Structures are given as C-alpha cells and as structure tokens.
C-alpha cells in the first residue's frame, strides 16, 4: 500500500470557497482515508473529518496543476 499523499478538499472559509490540501492514504481504488486535521476549525468549515473515507477524482486546480479532490464520503466496509 502506498504512503501518505496530499488530496484537496473544498472548504467554506470567511472569504468564500477554496481548496485545502490535506494528508491522506490510499485505502482502495479511488478511496482515501483523511489523516490530516483541520488547523483552523473556527475559520474553515470542512465537509469531511479526520478519519473519514472519501472518494477522490482528478481535478485541474490550475492549468499546470492536476490534483486529487475529495467529492464524497464512503462508508467503511466491515
């Protein structure tokens, strides 16, 4: 299994919507577990929590910067 990588989540901050990098680890296919913690919980509103499993897809953040973004929470499989 691969090591930690950076994924991005869309957050609501005082200035509006923005992307935040967060550390995660691949668990299966396109599903990652969020390892990072929200460093500013009173400022940024995260749609996912530390420990959540999320499905990710490629996204062009800028013309030269393709990243993985979390777009939905995934239930844990027992």
PDB file of N, CA and C in Angstrom:
ATOM      1  N   UNK A   1       0.849  -1.186   0.000  1.00  0.00           N
ATOM      2  CA  UNK A   1       0.000   0.000   0.000  1.00  0.00           C
ATOM      3  C   UNK A   1       0.889   1.243   0.000  1.00  0.00           C
ATOM      4  N   UNK A   2       0.492   2.250  -0.712  1.00  0.00           N
ATOM      5  CA  UNK A   2       1.279   3.477  -0.846  1.00  0.00           C
ATOM      6  C   UNK A   2       1.282   4.271   0.459  1.00  0.00           C
ATOM      7  N   UNK A   3       2.233   5.193   0.558  1.00  0.00           N
ATOM      8  CA  UNK A   3       2.326   6.052   1.727  1.00  0.00           C
ATOM      9  C   UNK A   3       1.376   7.231   1.641  1.00  0.00           C
ATOM     10  N   UNK A   4       1.615   8.186   2.512  1.00  0.00           N
ATOM     11  CA  UNK A   4       0.759   9.383   2.559  1.00  0.00           C
ATOM     12  C   UNK A   4       0.903  10.193   1.276  1.00  0.00           C
ATOM     13  N   UNK A   5      -0.216  10.765   0.855  1.00  0.00           N
ATOM     14  CA  UNK A   5      -0.218  11.694  -0.264  1.00  0.00           C
ATOM     15  C   UNK A   5      -1.055  12.908   0.150  1.00  0.00           C
ATOM     16  N   UNK A   6      -1.105  13.892  -0.720  1.00  0.00           N
ATOM     17  CA  UNK A   6      -1.926  15.077  -0.468  1.00  0.00           C
ATOM     18  C   UNK A   6      -3.131  15.033  -1.393  1.00  0.00           C
ATOM     19  N   UNK A   7      -4.319  15.175  -0.794  1.00  0.00           N
ATOM     20  CA  UNK A   7      -5.548  15.366  -1.559  1.00  0.00           C
ATOM     21  C   UNK A   7      -6.082  16.744  -1.182  1.00  0.00           C
ATOM     22  N   UNK A   8      -7.068  17.218  -1.905  1.00  0.00           N
ATOM     23  CA  UNK A   8      -7.643  18.534  -1.632  1.00  0.00           C
ATOM     24  C   UNK A   8      -9.120  18.400  -1.304  1.00  0.00           C
ATOM     25  N   UNK A   9      -9.570  19.225  -0.367  1.00  0.00           N
ATOM     26  CA  UNK A   9     -10.997  19.286  -0.055  1.00  0.00           C
ATOM     27  C   UNK A   9     -11.475  20.724  -0.230  1.00  0.00           C
ATOM     28  N   UNK A  10     -12.706  20.847  -0.663  1.00  0.00           N
ATOM     29  CA  UNK A  10     -13.324  22.153  -0.825  1.00  0.00           C
ATOM     30  C   UNK A  10     -13.850  22.590   0.532  1.00  0.00           C
ATOM     31  N   UNK A  11     -13.432  23.762   0.964  1.00  0.00           N
ATOM     32  CA  UNK A  11     -13.867  24.259   2.264  1.00  0.00           C
ATOM     33  C   UNK A  11     -14.569  25.592   2.120  1.00  0.00           C
ATOM     34  N   UNK A  12     -15.396  25.884   3.103  1.00  0.00           N
ATOM     35  CA  UNK A  12     -16.032  27.187   3.183  1.00  0.00           C
ATOM     36  C   UNK A  12     -15.271  27.977   4.233  1.00  0.00           C
ATOM     37  N   UNK A  13     -14.656  29.049   3.793  1.00  0.00           N
ATOM     38  CA  UNK A  13     -13.898  29.918   4.689  1.00  0.00           C
ATOM     39  C   UNK A  13     -14.559  31.291   4.678  1.00  0.00           C
ATOM     40  N   UNK A  14     -14.075  32.157   5.512  1.00  0.00           N
ATOM     41  CA  UNK A  14     -14.665  33.501   5.590  1.00  0.00           C
ATOM     42  C   UNK A  14     -14.650  34.223   4.249  1.00  0.00           C
ATOM     43  N   UNK A  15     -13.653  33.934   3.438  1.00  0.00           N
ATOM     44  CA  UNK A  15     -13.544  34.586   2.132  1.00  0.00           C
ATOM     45  C   UNK A  15     -14.321  33.883   1.038  1.00  0.00           C
ATOM     46  N   UNK A  16     -15.017  32.800   1.347  1.00  0.00           N
ATOM     47  CA  UNK A  16     -15.759  32.043   0.349  1.00  0.00           C
ATOM     48  C   UNK A  16     -15.197  30.640   0.207  1.00  0.00           C
ATOM     49  N   UNK A  17     -15.468  30.012  -0.937  1.00  0.00           N
ATOM     50  CA  UNK A  17     -14.994  28.648  -1.194  1.00  0.00           C
ATOM     51  C   UNK A  17     -13.522  28.657  -1.580  1.00  0.00           C
ATOM     52  N   UNK A  18     -12.796  27.638  -1.105  1.00  0.00           N
ATOM     53  CA  UNK A  18     -11.402  27.474  -1.501  1.00  0.00           C
ATOM     54  C   UNK A  18     -11.016  26.012  -1.318  1.00  0.00           C
ATOM     55  N   UNK A  19      -9.834  25.662  -1.785  1.00  0.00           N
ATOM     56  CA  UNK A  19      -9.316  24.299  -1.677  1.00  0.00           C
ATOM     57  C   UNK A  19      -8.250  24.242  -0.602  1.00  0.00           C
ATOM     58  N   UNK A  20      -8.282  23.180   0.195  1.00  0.00           N
ATOM     59  CA  UNK A  20      -7.269  22.988   1.235  1.00  0.00           C
ATOM     60  C   UNK A  20      -6.580  21.647   1.018  1.00  0.00           C
ATOM     61  N   UNK A  21      -5.250  21.625   1.059  1.00  0.00           N
ATOM     62  CA  UNK A  21      -4.533  20.353   0.978  1.00  0.00           C
ATOM     63  C   UNK A  21      -4.625  19.629   2.316  1.00  0.00           C
ATOM     64  N   UNK A  22      -4.737  18.322   2.262  1.00  0.00           N
ATOM     65  CA  UNK A  22      -4.816  17.518   3.484  1.00  0.00           C
ATOM     66  C   UNK A  22      -4.122  16.180   3.210  1.00  0.00           C
ATOM     67  N   UNK A  23      -3.414  15.669   4.214  1.00  0.00           N
ATOM     68  CA  UNK A  23      -2.745  14.385   4.033  1.00  0.00           C
ATOM     69  C   UNK A  23      -3.769  13.259   4.102  1.00  0.00           C
ATOM     70  N   UNK A  24      -3.515  12.230   3.289  1.00  0.00           N
ATOM     71  CA  UNK A  24      -4.422  11.093   3.206  1.00  0.00           C
ATOM     72  C   UNK A  24      -3.614   9.866   2.792  1.00  0.00           C
ATOM     73  N   UNK A  25      -4.255   8.716   2.882  1.00  0.00           N
ATOM     74  CA  UNK A  25      -3.624   7.473   2.454  1.00  0.00           C
ATOM     75  C   UNK A  25      -4.624   6.673   1.628  1.00  0.00           C
ATOM     76  N   UNK A  26      -4.136   6.089   0.547  1.00  0.00           N
ATOM     77  CA  UNK A  26      -4.982   5.275  -0.320  1.00  0.00           C
ATOM     78  C   UNK A  26      -5.395   4.008   0.421  1.00  0.00           C
ATOM     79  N   UNK A  27      -6.689   3.729   0.427  1.00  0.00           N
ATOM     80  CA  UNK A  27      -7.205   2.531   1.082  1.00  0.00           C
ATOM     81  C   UNK A  27      -7.653   1.485   0.069  1.00  0.00           C
ATOM     82  N   UNK A  28      -8.250   1.911  -1.033  1.00  0.00           N
ATOM     83  CA  UNK A  28      -8.653   1.016  -2.120  1.00  0.00           C
ATOM     84  C   UNK A  28      -9.079   1.867  -3.312  1.00  0.00           C
ATOM     85  N   UNK A  29      -8.827   1.363  -4.505  1.00  0.00           N
ATOM     86  CA  UNK A  29      -9.204   2.050  -5.746  1.00  0.00           C
ATOM     87  C   UNK A  29      -9.043   3.566  -5.618  1.00  0.00           C
ATOM     88  N   UNK A  30     -10.155   4.297  -5.677  1.00  0.00           N
ATOM     89  CA  UNK A  30     -10.124   5.764  -5.600  1.00  0.00           C
ATOM     90  C   UNK A  30     -10.584   6.265  -4.233  1.00  0.00           C
ATOM     91  N   UNK A  31     -10.443   5.441  -3.205  1.00  0.00           N
ATOM     92  CA  UNK A  31     -10.888   5.785  -1.847  1.00  0.00           C
ATOM     93  C   UNK A  31      -9.684   6.037  -0.950  1.00  0.00           C
ATOM     94  N   UNK A  32      -9.708   7.191  -0.281  1.00  0.00           N
ATOM     95  CA  UNK A  32      -8.614   7.618   0.580  1.00  0.00           C
ATOM     96  C   UNK A  32      -9.131   7.881   1.989  1.00  0.00           C
ATOM     97  N   UNK A  33      -8.279   7.640   2.974  1.00  0.00           N
ATOM     98  CA  UNK A  33      -8.610   7.978   4.357  1.00  0.00           C
ATOM     99  C   UNK A  33      -7.925   9.289   4.705  1.00  0.00           C
ATOM    100  N   UNK A  34      -8.698  10.244   5.205  1.00  0.00           N
ATOM    101  CA  UNK A  34      -8.141  11.539   5.590  1.00  0.00           C
ATOM    102  C   UNK A  34      -7.366  11.388   6.889  1.00  0.00           C
ATOM    103  N   UNK A  35      -6.086  11.774   6.856  1.00  0.00           N
ATOM    104  CA  UNK A  35      -5.224  11.702   8.026  1.00  0.00           C
ATOM    105  C   UNK A  35      -5.055  13.069   8.686  1.00  0.00           C
ATOM    106  N   UNK A  36      -5.075  14.115   7.871  1.00  0.00           N
ATOM    107  CA  UNK A  36      -4.838  15.465   8.370  1.00  0.00           C
ATOM    108  C   UNK A  36      -5.984  15.983   9.228  1.00  0.00           C
ATOM    109  N   UNK A  37      -5.645  16.971  10.031  1.00  0.00           N
ATOM    110  CA  UNK A  37      -6.642  17.616  10.895  1.00  0.00           C
ATOM    111  C   UNK A  37      -6.844  19.059  10.449  1.00  0.00           C
ATOM    112  N   UNK A  38      -8.029  19.554  10.655  1.00  0.00           N
ATOM    113  CA  UNK A  38      -8.345  20.937  10.317  1.00  0.00           C
ATOM    114  C   UNK A  38      -7.566  21.858  11.260  1.00  0.00           C
ATOM    115  N   UNK A  39      -6.600  22.638  10.725  1.00  0.00           N
ATOM    116  CA  UNK A  39      -5.803  23.502  11.578  1.00  0.00           C
ATOM    117  C   UNK A  39      -6.542  24.762  12.032  1.00  0.00           C
ATOM    118  N   UNK A  40      -7.672  25.067  11.407  1.00  0.00           N
ATOM    119  CA  UNK A  40      -8.414  26.281  11.751  1.00  0.00           C
ATOM    120  C   UNK A  40      -9.912  25.989  11.783  1.00  0.00           C
ATOM    121  N   UNK A  41     -10.377  25.156  12.727  1.00  0.00           N
ATOM    122  CA  UNK A  41     -11.796  24.781  12.736  1.00  0.00           C
ATOM    123  C   UNK A  41     -12.756  25.950  12.920  1.00  0.00           C
ATOM    124  N   UNK A  42     -12.308  27.015  13.522  1.00  0.00           N
ATOM    125  CA  UNK A  42     -13.176  28.180  13.684  1.00  0.00           C
ATOM    126  C   UNK A  42     -13.234  29.056  12.445  1.00  0.00           C
ATOM    127  N   UNK A  43     -12.330  28.786  11.499  1.00  0.00           N
ATOM    128  CA  UNK A  43     -12.242  29.596  10.280  1.00  0.00           C
ATOM    129  C   UNK A  43     -12.711  28.808   9.067  1.00  0.00           C
ATOM    130  N   UNK A  44     -12.179  27.596   8.902  1.00  0.00           N
ATOM    131  CA  UNK A  44     -12.539  26.740   7.768  1.00  0.00           C
ATOM    132  C   UNK A  44     -13.577  25.715   8.190  1.00  0.00           C
ATOM    133  N   UNK A  45     -14.586  25.537   7.356  1.00  0.00           N
ATOM    134  CA  UNK A  45     -15.596  24.513   7.586  1.00  0.00           C
ATOM    135  C   UNK A  45     -15.316  23.359   6.632  1.00  0.00           C
ATOM    136  N   UNK A  46     -14.835  22.242   7.168  1.00  0.00           N
ATOM    137  CA  UNK A  46     -14.514  21.082   6.343  1.00  0.00           C
ATOM    138  C   UNK A  46     -15.749  20.216   6.135  1.00  0.00           C
ATOM    139  N   UNK A  47     -15.958  19.709   4.916  1.00  0.00           N
ATOM    140  CA  UNK A  47     -17.088  18.819   4.659  1.00  0.00           C
ATOM    141  C   UNK A  47     -16.821  17.380   5.121  1.00  0.00           C
ATOM    142  N   UNK A  48     -15.549  17.063   5.428  1.00  0.00           N
ATOM    143  CA  UNK A  48     -15.157  15.726   5.885  1.00  0.00           C
ATOM    144  C   UNK A  48     -14.306  15.871   7.132  1.00  0.00           C
ATOM    145  N   UNK A  49     -14.252  14.799   7.931  1.00  0.00           N
ATOM    146  CA  UNK A  49     -13.485  14.816   9.167  1.00  0.00           C
ATOM    147  C   UNK A  49     -12.249  13.934   9.066  1.00  0.00           C
ATOM    148  N   UNK A  50     -11.305  14.138   9.966  1.00  0.00           N
ATOM    149  CA  UNK A  50     -10.147  13.272  10.076  1.00  0.00           C
ATOM    150  C   UNK A  50     -10.645  11.841  10.289  1.00  0.00           C
ATOM    151  N   UNK A  51     -10.101  10.897   9.532  1.00  0.00           N
ATOM    152  CA  UNK A  51     -10.514   9.506   9.635  1.00  0.00           C
ATOM    153  C   UNK A  51     -11.580   9.092   8.647  1.00  0.00           C
ATOM    154  N   UNK A  52     -12.259  10.057   8.022  1.00  0.00           N
ATOM    155  CA  UNK A  52     -13.280   9.723   7.023  1.00  0.00           C
ATOM    156  C   UNK A  52     -12.641   9.081   5.804  1.00  0.00           C
ATOM    157  N   UNK A  53     -13.373   8.155   5.186  1.00  0.00           N
ATOM    158  CA  UNK A  53     -13.000   7.614   3.887  1.00  0.00           C
ATOM    159  C   UNK A  53     -13.722   8.440   2.838  1.00  0.00           C
ATOM    160  N   UNK A  54     -12.982   8.890   1.838  1.00  0.00           N
ATOM    161  CA  UNK A  54     -13.565   9.737   0.794  1.00  0.00           C
ATOM    162  C   UNK A  54     -13.152   9.239  -0.588  1.00  0.00           C
ATOM    163  N   UNK A  55     -14.045   9.398  -1.535  1.00  0.00           N
ATOM    164  CA  UNK A  55     -13.747   9.073  -2.924  1.00  0.00           C
ATOM    165  C   UNK A  55     -13.143  10.336  -3.558  1.00  0.00           C
ATOM    166  N   UNK A  56     -12.085  10.132  -4.355  1.00  0.00           N
ATOM    167  CA  UNK A  56     -11.391  11.263  -4.976  1.00  0.00           C
ATOM    168  C   UNK A  56     -11.361  11.114  -6.493  1.00  0.00           C
ATOM    169  N   UNK A  57     -11.237  12.250  -7.162  1.00  0.00           N
ATOM    170  CA  UNK A  57     -11.100  12.253  -8.619  1.00  0.00           C
ATOM    171  C   UNK A  57     -10.103  13.334  -9.013  1.00  0.00           C
ATOM    172  N   UNK A  58      -9.496  13.204 -10.194  1.00  0.00           N
ATOM    173  CA  UNK A  58      -8.564  14.232 -10.655  1.00  0.00           C
ATOM    174  C   UNK A  58      -9.307  15.543 -10.930  1.00  0.00           C
ATOM    175  N   UNK A  59      -8.621  16.642 -10.692  1.00  0.00           N
ATOM    176  CA  UNK A  59      -9.196  17.978 -10.895  1.00  0.00           C
ATOM    177  C   UNK A  59      -8.071  18.922 -11.281  1.00  0.00           C
ATOM    178  N   UNK A  60      -8.319  19.753 -12.277  1.00  0.00           N
ATOM    179  CA  UNK A  60      -7.329  20.750 -12.694  1.00  0.00           C
ATOM    180  C   UNK A  60      -7.471  21.990 -11.836  1.00  0.00           C
ATOM    181  N   UNK A  61      -6.617  22.089 -10.829  1.00  0.00           N
ATOM    182  CA  UNK A  61      -6.638  23.235  -9.923  1.00  0.00           C
ATOM    183  C   UNK A  61      -6.203  24.492 -10.664  1.00  0.00           C
ATOM    184  N   UNK A  62      -5.181  24.347 -11.481  1.00  0.00           N
ATOM    185  CA  UNK A  62      -4.715  25.405 -12.389  1.00  0.00           C
ATOM    186  C   UNK A  62      -4.352  24.725 -13.704  1.00  0.00           C
ATOM    187  N   UNK A  63      -3.920  25.506 -14.685  1.00  0.00           N
ATOM    188  CA  UNK A  63      -3.554  24.933 -15.981  1.00  0.00           C
ATOM    189  C   UNK A  63      -2.468  23.873 -15.864  1.00  0.00           C
ATOM    190  N   UNK A  64      -1.556  24.036 -14.917  1.00  0.00           N
ATOM    191  CA  UNK A  64      -0.427  23.116 -14.785  1.00  0.00           C
ATOM    192  C   UNK A  64      -0.449  22.317 -13.495  1.00  0.00           C
ATOM    193  N   UNK A  65      -1.571  22.291 -12.817  1.00  0.00           N
ATOM    194  CA  UNK A  65      -1.610  21.647 -11.507  1.00  0.00           C
ATOM    195  C   UNK A  65      -2.841  20.750 -11.385  1.00  0.00           C
ATOM    196  N   UNK A  66      -2.667  19.465 -11.731  1.00  0.00           N
ATOM    197  CA  UNK A  66      -3.754  18.492 -11.601  1.00  0.00           C
ATOM    198  C   UNK A  66      -3.608  17.801 -10.252  1.00  0.00           C
ATOM    199  N   UNK A  67      -4.685  17.802  -9.473  1.00  0.00           N
ATOM    200  CA  UNK A  67      -4.665  17.248  -8.114  1.00  0.00           C
ATOM    201  C   UNK A  67      -5.829  16.274  -7.945  1.00  0.00           C
ATOM    202  N   UNK A  68      -5.827  15.580  -6.820  1.00  0.00           N
ATOM    203  CA  UNK A  68      -6.962  14.734  -6.455  1.00  0.00           C
ATOM    204  C   UNK A  68      -7.829  15.506  -5.475  1.00  0.00           C
ATOM    205  N   UNK A  69      -9.136  15.527  -5.733  1.00  0.00           N
ATOM    206  CA  UNK A  69     -10.054  16.209  -4.826  1.00  0.00           C
ATOM    207  C   UNK A  69     -11.075  15.217  -4.286  1.00  0.00           C
ATOM    208  N   UNK A  70     -11.394  15.369  -3.015  1.00  0.00           N
ATOM    209  CA  UNK A  70     -12.409  14.542  -2.376  1.00  0.00           C
ATOM    210  C   UNK A  70     -13.781  15.074  -2.738  1.00  0.00           C
ATOM    211  N   UNK A  71     -14.674  14.171  -3.150  1.00  0.00           N
ATOM    212  CA  UNK A  71     -16.001  14.653  -3.531  1.00  0.00           C
ATOM    213  C   UNK A  71     -17.153  13.922  -2.835  1.00  0.00           C
ATOM    214  N   UNK A  72     -16.883  12.782  -2.183  1.00  0.00           N
ATOM    215  CA  UNK A  72     -17.969  12.136  -1.446  1.00  0.00           C
ATOM    216  C   UNK A  72     -17.400  11.235  -0.352  1.00  0.00           C
ATOM    217  N   UNK A  73     -18.161  11.134   0.717  1.00  0.00           N
ATOM    218  CA  UNK A  73     -17.794  10.260   1.829  1.00  0.00           C
ATOM    219  C   UNK A  73     -18.200   8.830   1.469  1.00  0.00           C
ATOM    220  N   UNK A  74     -17.370   7.868   1.891  1.00  0.00           N
ATOM    221  CA  UNK A  74     -17.605   6.463   1.607  1.00  0.00           C
ATOM    222  C   UNK A  74     -17.770   5.724   2.927  1.00  0.00           C
ATOM    223  N   UNK A  75     -18.744   4.838   3.006  1.00  0.00           N
ATOM    224  CA  UNK A  75     -18.932   4.040   4.208  1.00  0.00           C
ATOM    225  C   UNK A  75     -17.805   3.022   4.349  1.00  0.00           C
ATOM    226  N   UNK A  76     -17.432   2.746   5.571  1.00  0.00           N
ATOM    227  CA  UNK A  76     -16.418   1.727   5.836  1.00  0.00           C
ATOM    228  C   UNK A  76     -17.033   0.351   5.603  1.00  0.00           C
ATOM    229  N   UNK A  77     -16.248  -0.531   5.009  1.00  0.00           N
ATOM    230  CA  UNK A  77     -16.685  -1.897   4.788  1.00  0.00           C
ATOM    231  C   UNK A  77     -16.205  -2.748   5.937  1.00  0.00           C
ATOM    232  N   UNK A  78     -17.116  -3.463   6.556  1.00  0.00           N
ATOM    233  CA  UNK A  78     -16.774  -4.273   7.731  1.00  0.00           C
ATOM    234  C   UNK A  78     -15.921  -5.470   7.340  1.00  0.00           C
TER     235      UNK A  78
END
